[in-house]
Amino acid sequence: YLCFERRADADLILAGHKIVGSAQRRLPNALLQHGSILWHSPNIASAMLGIEEIASWDVQRVDLERAIVGGLRQLLAEEAS
């Protein structure tokens, strides 16, 4: 959970809290991207709030998943054309 304690300019912030963390490793012929979405406050770090605790609307996981997948599809389609 340490990645959620550090912030960078490109981080996704909701109500002042970092809710998406990621890391990247680049090699000559490969790229490894890892990402996490903080859905709810973890037991080991209860001061960190997730989407469930800070969203001002009832966020459903399936809606979030569809939005992420749809956004990635659109981005990849634009880059392919």
C-alpha atoms as a PDB file:
ATOM      1  CA  TYR A   1       0.000   0.000   0.000  1.00  0.00           C
ATOM      2  CA  LEU A   2       2.995   2.315   0.079  1.00  0.00           C
ATOM      3  CA  CYS A   3       2.358   3.474  -3.490  1.00  0.00           C
ATOM      4  CA  PHE A   4      -0.856   5.083  -2.262  1.00  0.00           C
ATOM      5  CA  GLU A   5       1.085   7.221   0.245  1.00  0.00           C
ATOM      6  CA  ARG A   6       3.233   8.842  -2.456  1.00  0.00           C
ATOM      7  CA  ARG A   7       1.846  11.132  -5.136  1.00  0.00           C
ATOM      8  CA  ALA A   8       2.920  12.223  -8.588  1.00  0.00           C
ATOM      9  CA  ASP A   9       1.371  14.778 -10.948  1.00  0.00           C
ATOM     10  CA  ALA A  10      -0.322  12.096 -13.078  1.00  0.00           C
ATOM     11  CA  ASP A  11      -1.956  10.211 -10.185  1.00  0.00           C
ATOM     12  CA  LEU A  12      -5.713   9.791 -10.034  1.00  0.00           C
ATOM     13  CA  ILE A  13      -7.013  11.633  -6.976  1.00  0.00           C
ATOM     14  CA  LEU A  14     -10.567  11.524  -5.594  1.00  0.00           C
ATOM     15  CA  ALA A  15     -11.525  14.001  -2.852  1.00  0.00           C
ATOM     16  CA  GLY A  16      -7.844  14.522  -2.019  1.00  0.00           C
ATOM     17  CA  HIS A  17      -7.028  10.797  -1.789  1.00  0.00           C
ATOM     18  CA  LYS A  18      -4.920   8.802  -4.241  1.00  0.00           C
ATOM     19  CA  ILE A  19      -7.101   5.934  -5.482  1.00  0.00           C
ATOM     20  CA  VAL A  20      -4.957   4.470  -8.277  1.00  0.00           C
ATOM     21  CA  GLY A  21      -1.346   3.392  -7.942  1.00  0.00           C
ATOM     22  CA  SER A  22       0.878   1.928 -10.614  1.00  0.00           C
ATOM     23  CA  ALA A  23       4.430   1.002 -11.415  1.00  0.00           C
ATOM     24  CA  GLN A  24       6.244   0.371 -14.651  1.00  0.00           C
ATOM     25  CA  ARG A  25       9.369  -1.528 -15.621  1.00  0.00           C
ATOM     26  CA  ARG A  26      10.869  -1.031 -19.048  1.00  0.00           C
ATOM     27  CA  LEU A  27      13.208  -3.484 -20.697  1.00  0.00           C
ATOM     28  CA  PRO A  28      14.667  -3.359 -24.219  1.00  0.00           C
ATOM     29  CA  ASN A  29      11.939  -5.618 -25.668  1.00  0.00           C
ATOM     30  CA  ALA A  30       9.245  -5.538 -23.006  1.00  0.00           C
ATOM     31  CA  LEU A  31       7.123  -3.348 -20.794  1.00  0.00           C
ATOM     32  CA  LEU A  32       5.600  -4.470 -17.507  1.00  0.00           C
ATOM     33  CA  GLN A  33       2.793  -2.301 -16.121  1.00  0.00           C
ATOM     34  CA  HIS A  34       1.249  -2.991 -12.719  1.00  0.00           C
ATOM     35  CA  GLY A  35      -1.680  -1.073 -11.318  1.00  0.00           C
ATOM     36  CA  SER A  36      -3.975  -1.127  -8.318  1.00  0.00           C
ATOM     37  CA  ILE A  37      -7.246   0.593  -7.546  1.00  0.00           C
ATOM     38  CA  LEU A  38      -7.958   1.241  -3.884  1.00  0.00           C
ATOM     39  CA  TRP A  39     -11.585   0.131  -3.661  1.00  0.00           C
ATOM     40  CA  HIS A  40     -11.919   0.315   0.129  1.00  0.00           C
ATOM     41  CA  SER A  41      -9.789   1.145   3.125  1.00  0.00           C
ATOM     42  CA  PRO A  42      -7.299  -1.675   3.811  1.00  0.00           C
ATOM     43  CA  ASN A  43      -7.214  -3.310   7.257  1.00  0.00           C
ATOM     44  CA  ILE A  44      -3.482  -2.624   7.631  1.00  0.00           C
ATOM     45  CA  ALA A  45      -3.770   1.060   6.721  1.00  0.00           C
ATOM     46  CA  SER A  46      -7.187   2.277   7.816  1.00  0.00           C
ATOM     47  CA  ALA A  47      -6.196   5.938   7.364  1.00  0.00           C
ATOM     48  CA  MET A  48      -6.164   5.344   3.605  1.00  0.00           C
ATOM     49  CA  LEU A  49      -9.609   5.775   2.144  1.00  0.00           C
ATOM     50  CA  GLY A  50     -10.805   3.985  -0.945  1.00  0.00           C
ATOM     51  CA  ILE A  51     -13.465   4.710  -3.514  1.00  0.00           C
ATOM     52  CA  GLU A  52     -16.247   3.204  -1.369  1.00  0.00           C
ATOM     53  CA  GLU A  53     -15.529   5.559   1.534  1.00  0.00           C
ATOM     54  CA  ILE A  54     -15.030   8.809  -0.355  1.00  0.00           C
ATOM     55  CA  ALA A  55     -17.239   8.710  -3.445  1.00  0.00           C
ATOM     56  CA  SER A  56     -20.273  10.966  -3.252  1.00  0.00           C
ATOM     57  CA  TRP A  57     -22.285   8.454  -5.283  1.00  0.00           C
ATOM     58  CA  ASP A  58     -22.926   4.706  -5.112  1.00  0.00           C
ATOM     59  CA  VAL A  59     -20.077   3.335  -7.221  1.00  0.00           C
ATOM     60  CA  GLN A  60     -20.613  -0.192  -8.501  1.00  0.00           C
ATOM     61  CA  ARG A  61     -17.549  -2.268  -9.330  1.00  0.00           C
ATOM     62  CA  VAL A  62     -19.045  -3.497 -12.582  1.00  0.00           C
ATOM     63  CA  ASP A  63     -19.586   0.097 -13.746  1.00  0.00           C
ATOM     64  CA  LEU A  64     -15.997   0.995 -12.901  1.00  0.00           C
ATOM     65  CA  GLU A  65     -14.719  -2.098 -14.720  1.00  0.00           C
ATOM     66  CA  ARG A  66     -16.783  -1.265 -17.822  1.00  0.00           C
ATOM     67  CA  ALA A  67     -15.536   2.333 -17.818  1.00  0.00           C
ATOM     68  CA  ILE A  68     -11.883   1.258 -17.546  1.00  0.00           C
ATOM     69  CA  VAL A  69     -12.156  -1.410 -20.246  1.00  0.00           C
ATOM     70  CA  GLY A  70     -14.116   0.930 -22.537  1.00  0.00           C
ATOM     71  CA  GLY A  71     -11.567   3.701 -22.078  1.00  0.00           C
ATOM     72  CA  LEU A  72      -8.669   1.363 -22.832  1.00  0.00           C
ATOM     73  CA  ARG A  73     -10.417   0.021 -25.948  1.00  0.00           C
ATOM     74  CA  GLN A  74     -10.986   3.550 -27.208  1.00  0.00           C
ATOM     75  CA  LEU A  75      -7.400   4.589 -26.499  1.00  0.00           C
ATOM     76  CA  LEU A  76      -5.943   1.526 -28.214  1.00  0.00           C
ATOM     77  CA  ALA A  77      -8.257   1.945 -31.224  1.00  0.00           C
ATOM     78  CA  GLU A  78      -7.154   5.565 -31.616  1.00  0.00           C
ATOM     79  CA  GLU A  79      -3.479   4.596 -31.449  1.00  0.00           C
ATOM     80  CA  ALA A  80      -3.966   1.767 -33.974  1.00  0.00           C
ATOM     81  CA  SER A  81      -5.558   4.029 -36.573  1.00  0.00           C
END
